[in-house]
Amino acid sequence: MPGVLLQTAARRCWCLPAARSAISAEKHAPSQWARAATGVLQQARFNCSTGDKPKHRRYGMKIKLRPEFQDEYIRYHANVWPGVLQTIRDCKISNYSIFLRDGVLFGYFEYSGQDLKADMKKMGECPETQKWWELMKPMQQPFDNLKEDEDWWSMLEEVFHTE
């Protein structure tokens, strides 16, 4: 399976020299394929033609919605406060969506800044956003397996994307 992933990464971004060497490393020295795969997959996040990072990084996250608040949560999100929406834009977040299924909220957004942590701090300092979060927080319930750097929503790992 790892070999297939390497070949797929190499085909999708053949212009990367590391992709060609990774395939070669796998054929000639299978014990080295893991190091090569890591490099290929990291480089595959760069634009093949320019070597630049993508303009937008995609993020997915999840949290539980308490069932007794479902209708209220949906009502609030049908009319998000303008100041909250502006803060989201000011923090270089776009294409933000929240989906609901079986009591689980799935959030998706694209980030075009350079320092997500700093922009999230900026967002958290906005008084209107703080008030919004105070209203939303009792309606939500984090998953039990939060990572150290997560305080509420659980971040998801992107495992596939196509344009």
C-alpha atoms as a PDB file:
ATOM      1  CA  MET A   1       0.000   0.000   0.000  1.00  0.00           C
ATOM      2  CA  PRO A   2       2.727   2.578   0.791  1.00  0.00           C
ATOM      3  CA  GLY A   3       4.215   1.995  -2.647  1.00  0.00           C
ATOM      4  CA  VAL A   4       0.863   2.748  -4.237  1.00  0.00           C
ATOM      5  CA  LEU A   5       0.646   6.006  -2.254  1.00  0.00           C
ATOM      6  CA  LEU A   6       4.108   6.986  -3.436  1.00  0.00           C
ATOM      7  CA  GLN A   7       3.299   6.231  -7.047  1.00  0.00           C
ATOM      8  CA  THR A   8       0.019   8.140  -6.794  1.00  0.00           C
ATOM      9  CA  ALA A   9       1.788  11.155  -5.277  1.00  0.00           C
ATOM     10  CA  ALA A  10       4.453  10.975  -7.940  1.00  0.00           C
ATOM     11  CA  ARG A  11       1.912  10.792 -10.776  1.00  0.00           C
ATOM     12  CA  ARG A  12      -0.123  13.689  -9.398  1.00  0.00           C
ATOM     13  CA  CYS A  13       2.953  15.858  -9.049  1.00  0.00           C
ATOM     14  CA  TRP A  14       5.558  14.287 -11.348  1.00  0.00           C
ATOM     15  CA  CYS A  15       7.425  17.565 -11.665  1.00  0.00           C
ATOM     16  CA  LEU A  16       8.788  17.023  -8.143  1.00  0.00           C
ATOM     17  CA  PRO A  17      12.254  15.482  -8.316  1.00  0.00           C
ATOM     18  CA  ALA A  18      11.613  13.942  -4.908  1.00  0.00           C
ATOM     19  CA  ALA A  19       8.686  12.022  -6.355  1.00  0.00           C
ATOM     20  CA  ARG A  20      10.892  10.372  -8.958  1.00  0.00           C
ATOM     21  CA  SER A  21      13.596   9.616  -6.386  1.00  0.00           C
ATOM     22  CA  ALA A  22      11.057   8.207  -3.948  1.00  0.00           C
ATOM     23  CA  ILE A  23       9.863   5.711  -6.530  1.00  0.00           C
ATOM     24  CA  SER A  24      13.445   4.832  -7.291  1.00  0.00           C
ATOM     25  CA  ALA A  25      14.288   4.525  -3.591  1.00  0.00           C
ATOM     26  CA  GLU A  26      11.346   2.212  -3.074  1.00  0.00           C
ATOM     27  CA  LYS A  27      12.420  -0.074  -5.933  1.00  0.00           C
ATOM     28  CA  HIS A  28      16.098  -0.155  -5.036  1.00  0.00           C
ATOM     29  CA  ALA A  29      16.109   0.237  -1.267  1.00  0.00           C
ATOM     30  CA  PRO A  30      12.658  -0.574   0.168  1.00  0.00           C
ATOM     31  CA  SER A  31      13.785   0.204   3.719  1.00  0.00           C
ATOM     32  CA  GLN A  32      14.203   3.859   2.709  1.00  0.00           C
ATOM     33  CA  TRP A  33      10.758   4.319   1.168  1.00  0.00           C
ATOM     34  CA  ALA A  34       9.199   5.724   4.361  1.00  0.00           C
ATOM     35  CA  ARG A  35      11.625   8.666   4.506  1.00  0.00           C
ATOM     36  CA  ALA A  36      11.112   9.294   0.808  1.00  0.00           C
ATOM     37  CA  ALA A  37       7.325   9.088   1.141  1.00  0.00           C
ATOM     38  CA  THR A  38       7.337  11.678   3.898  1.00  0.00           C
ATOM     39  CA  GLY A  39       9.238  14.078   1.671  1.00  0.00           C
ATOM     40  CA  VAL A  40       6.997  13.474  -1.318  1.00  0.00           C
ATOM     41  CA  LEU A  41       3.807  13.945   0.621  1.00  0.00           C
ATOM     42  CA  GLN A  42       5.124  17.123   2.262  1.00  0.00           C
ATOM     43  CA  GLN A  43       6.251  18.509  -1.075  1.00  0.00           C
ATOM     44  CA  ALA A  44       2.964  17.545  -2.707  1.00  0.00           C
ATOM     45  CA  ARG A  45       1.408  20.295  -0.620  1.00  0.00           C
ATOM     46  CA  PHE A  46       3.373  22.828  -2.670  1.00  0.00           C
ATOM     47  CA  ASN A  47       2.288  23.980  -6.085  1.00  0.00           C
ATOM     48  CA  CYS A  48       4.156  21.883  -8.669  1.00  0.00           C
ATOM     49  CA  SER A  49       4.603  24.646 -11.202  1.00  0.00           C
ATOM     50  CA  THR A  50       5.888  27.361  -8.878  1.00  0.00           C
ATOM     51  CA  GLY A  51       7.086  25.635  -5.726  1.00  0.00           C
ATOM     52  CA  ASP A  52       4.919  28.003  -3.701  1.00  0.00           C
ATOM     53  CA  LYS A  53       2.627  26.999  -0.887  1.00  0.00           C
ATOM     54  CA  PRO A  54      -1.047  26.916  -1.815  1.00  0.00           C
ATOM     55  CA  LYS A  55      -2.889  30.200  -1.342  1.00  0.00           C
ATOM     56  CA  HIS A  56      -5.482  28.548   0.902  1.00  0.00           C
ATOM     57  CA  ARG A  57      -4.969  25.750   3.380  1.00  0.00           C
ATOM     58  CA  ARG A  58      -8.052  23.665   4.123  1.00  0.00           C
ATOM     59  CA  TYR A  59      -9.141  22.746   7.641  1.00  0.00           C
ATOM     60  CA  GLY A  60     -11.808  20.378   8.885  1.00  0.00           C
ATOM     61  CA  MET A  61     -13.033  20.072  12.450  1.00  0.00           C
ATOM     62  CA  LYS A  62     -15.790  18.391  14.418  1.00  0.00           C
ATOM     63  CA  ILE A  63     -17.706  18.762  17.666  1.00  0.00           C
ATOM     64  CA  LYS A  64     -20.925  17.321  19.074  1.00  0.00           C
ATOM     65  CA  LEU A  65     -24.121  19.365  19.131  1.00  0.00           C
ATOM     66  CA  ARG A  66     -26.297  18.835  22.188  1.00  0.00           C
ATOM     67  CA  PRO A  67     -29.631  17.564  20.811  1.00  0.00           C
ATOM     68  CA  GLU A  68     -31.755  19.893  22.929  1.00  0.00           C
ATOM     69  CA  PHE A  69     -30.077  22.890  21.235  1.00  0.00           C
ATOM     70  CA  GLN A  70     -30.224  21.763  17.613  1.00  0.00           C
ATOM     71  CA  ASP A  71     -33.051  24.065  16.512  1.00  0.00           C
ATOM     72  CA  GLU A  72     -31.604  27.065  18.346  1.00  0.00           C
ATOM     73  CA  TYR A  73     -28.116  26.455  16.912  1.00  0.00           C
ATOM     74  CA  ILE A  74     -29.500  26.287  13.384  1.00  0.00           C
ATOM     75  CA  ARG A  75     -31.534  29.478  13.960  1.00  0.00           C
ATOM     76  CA  TYR A  76     -28.465  31.391  15.174  1.00  0.00           C
ATOM     77  CA  HIS A  77     -26.396  30.243  12.213  1.00  0.00           C
ATOM     78  CA  ALA A  78     -29.083  31.291   9.760  1.00  0.00           C
ATOM     79  CA  ASN A  79     -28.312  34.867  10.818  1.00  0.00           C
ATOM     80  CA  VAL A  80     -24.719  35.117  12.068  1.00  0.00           C
ATOM     81  CA  TRP A  81     -23.902  38.547  13.457  1.00  0.00           C
ATOM     82  CA  PRO A  82     -22.152  40.836  10.926  1.00  0.00           C
ATOM     83  CA  GLY A  83     -19.295  41.594  13.347  1.00  0.00           C
ATOM     84  CA  VAL A  84     -18.558  37.888  13.747  1.00  0.00           C
ATOM     85  CA  LEU A  85     -18.536  37.398   9.970  1.00  0.00           C
ATOM     86  CA  GLN A  86     -16.200  40.383   9.555  1.00  0.00           C
ATOM     87  CA  THR A  87     -13.811  39.027  12.182  1.00  0.00           C
ATOM     88  CA  ILE A  88     -13.725  35.689  10.373  1.00  0.00           C
ATOM     89  CA  ARG A  89     -12.755  37.506   7.155  1.00  0.00           C
ATOM     90  CA  ASP A  90     -10.231  39.717   8.988  1.00  0.00           C
ATOM     91  CA  CYS A  91      -8.556  36.564  10.274  1.00  0.00           C
ATOM     92  CA  LYS A  92      -8.025  35.379   6.670  1.00  0.00           C
ATOM     93  CA  ILE A  93     -10.661  32.644   6.834  1.00  0.00           C
ATOM     94  CA  SER A  94     -12.909  32.064   3.851  1.00  0.00           C
ATOM     95  CA  ASN A  95     -15.247  29.433   2.469  1.00  0.00           C
ATOM     96  CA  TYR A  96     -16.353  28.590   6.016  1.00  0.00           C
ATOM     97  CA  SER A  97     -19.163  26.053   6.324  1.00  0.00           C
ATOM     98  CA  ILE A  98     -20.669  24.040   9.157  1.00  0.00           C
ATOM     99  CA  PHE A  99     -22.541  20.811   8.442  1.00  0.00           C
ATOM    100  CA  LEU A 100     -24.703  18.756  10.811  1.00  0.00           C
ATOM    101  CA  ARG A 101     -25.397  15.037  10.871  1.00  0.00           C
ATOM    102  CA  ASP A 102     -26.536  12.780  13.709  1.00  0.00           C
ATOM    103  CA  GLY A 103     -25.587  15.288  16.387  1.00  0.00           C
ATOM    104  CA  VAL A 104     -22.104  15.976  15.008  1.00  0.00           C
ATOM    105  CA  LEU A 105     -21.083  19.343  13.589  1.00  0.00           C
ATOM    106  CA  PHE A 106     -18.433  19.289  10.873  1.00  0.00           C
ATOM    107  CA  GLY A 107     -16.747  22.614  10.155  1.00  0.00           C
ATOM    108  CA  TYR A 108     -14.698  23.384   7.057  1.00  0.00           C
ATOM    109  CA  PHE A 109     -12.751  26.533   6.218  1.00  0.00           C
ATOM    110  CA  GLU A 110      -9.895  27.764   4.095  1.00  0.00           C
ATOM    111  CA  TYR A 111      -7.125  29.855   5.594  1.00  0.00           C
ATOM    112  CA  SER A 112      -4.961  32.205   3.521  1.00  0.00           C
ATOM    113  CA  GLY A 113      -2.785  33.701   6.263  1.00  0.00           C
ATOM    114  CA  GLN A 114       0.659  32.741   7.491  1.00  0.00           C
ATOM    115  CA  ASP A 115      -0.007  32.161  11.218  1.00  0.00           C
ATOM    116  CA  LEU A 116      -3.296  30.437  12.048  1.00  0.00           C
ATOM    117  CA  LYS A 117      -2.568  30.426  15.766  1.00  0.00           C
ATOM    118  CA  ALA A 118      -2.060  34.216  15.815  1.00  0.00           C
ATOM    119  CA  ASP A 119      -5.186  34.803  13.739  1.00  0.00           C
ATOM    120  CA  MET A 120      -7.233  32.556  16.043  1.00  0.00           C
ATOM    121  CA  LYS A 121      -5.922  34.576  18.997  1.00  0.00           C
ATOM    122  CA  LYS A 122      -6.991  37.758  17.194  1.00  0.00           C
ATOM    123  CA  MET A 123     -10.433  36.261  16.600  1.00  0.00           C
ATOM    124  CA  GLY A 124     -10.746  35.335  20.269  1.00  0.00           C
ATOM    125  CA  GLU A 125      -9.962  38.911  21.289  1.00  0.00           C
ATOM    126  CA  CYS A 126     -12.940  40.327  19.374  1.00  0.00           C
ATOM    127  CA  PRO A 127     -15.670  41.241  21.926  1.00  0.00           C
ATOM    128  CA  GLU A 128     -18.533  40.408  19.556  1.00  0.00           C
ATOM    129  CA  THR A 129     -16.996  37.021  18.713  1.00  0.00           C
ATOM    130  CA  GLN A 130     -16.514  36.328  22.427  1.00  0.00           C
ATOM    131  CA  LYS A 131     -20.230  36.981  23.002  1.00  0.00           C
ATOM    132  CA  TRP A 132     -21.106  34.691  20.065  1.00  0.00           C
ATOM    133  CA  TRP A 133     -18.902  31.920  21.443  1.00  0.00           C
ATOM    134  CA  GLU A 134     -20.488  32.321  24.895  1.00  0.00           C
ATOM    135  CA  LEU A 135     -23.872  31.626  23.284  1.00  0.00           C
ATOM    136  CA  MET A 136     -22.628  28.680  21.185  1.00  0.00           C
ATOM    137  CA  LYS A 137     -20.454  26.926  23.757  1.00  0.00           C
ATOM    138  CA  PRO A 138     -23.275  25.507  25.941  1.00  0.00           C
ATOM    139  CA  MET A 139     -24.868  24.073  22.797  1.00  0.00           C
ATOM    140  CA  GLN A 140     -21.741  22.117  21.896  1.00  0.00           C
ATOM    141  CA  GLN A 141     -19.888  19.247  23.518  1.00  0.00           C
ATOM    142  CA  PRO A 142     -16.266  18.457  22.654  1.00  0.00           C
ATOM    143  CA  PHE A 143     -15.194  14.920  21.865  1.00  0.00           C
ATOM    144  CA  ASP A 144     -13.392  13.143  24.696  1.00  0.00           C
ATOM    145  CA  ASN A 145     -10.185  12.632  22.726  1.00  0.00           C
ATOM    146  CA  LEU A 146      -9.064  16.267  22.261  1.00  0.00           C
ATOM    147  CA  LYS A 147      -5.368  16.702  21.535  1.00  0.00           C
ATOM    148  CA  GLU A 148      -3.160  18.907  23.724  1.00  0.00           C
ATOM    149  CA  ASP A 149      -3.402  21.880  21.367  1.00  0.00           C
ATOM    150  CA  GLU A 150      -7.194  21.631  20.971  1.00  0.00           C
ATOM    151  CA  ASP A 151      -9.470  23.333  23.430  1.00  0.00           C
ATOM    152  CA  TRP A 152     -12.931  22.838  21.947  1.00  0.00           C
ATOM    153  CA  TRP A 153     -13.316  21.632  18.338  1.00  0.00           C
ATOM    154  CA  SER A 154     -11.383  18.517  17.262  1.00  0.00           C
ATOM    155  CA  MET A 155      -9.251  19.201  14.192  1.00  0.00           C
ATOM    156  CA  LEU A 156      -9.352  16.628  11.399  1.00  0.00           C
ATOM    157  CA  GLU A 157      -6.533  15.424   9.182  1.00  0.00           C
ATOM    158  CA  GLU A 158      -7.043  15.890   5.460  1.00  0.00           C
ATOM    159  CA  VAL A 159      -6.443  12.558   3.747  1.00  0.00           C
ATOM    160  CA  PHE A 160      -7.659  13.362   0.240  1.00  0.00           C
ATOM    161  CA  HIS A 161      -8.276  16.380  -1.964  1.00  0.00           C
ATOM    162  CA  THR A 162      -8.789  16.931  -5.650  1.00  0.00           C
ATOM    163  CA  GLU A 163      -9.442  20.085  -7.615  1.00  0.00           C
END
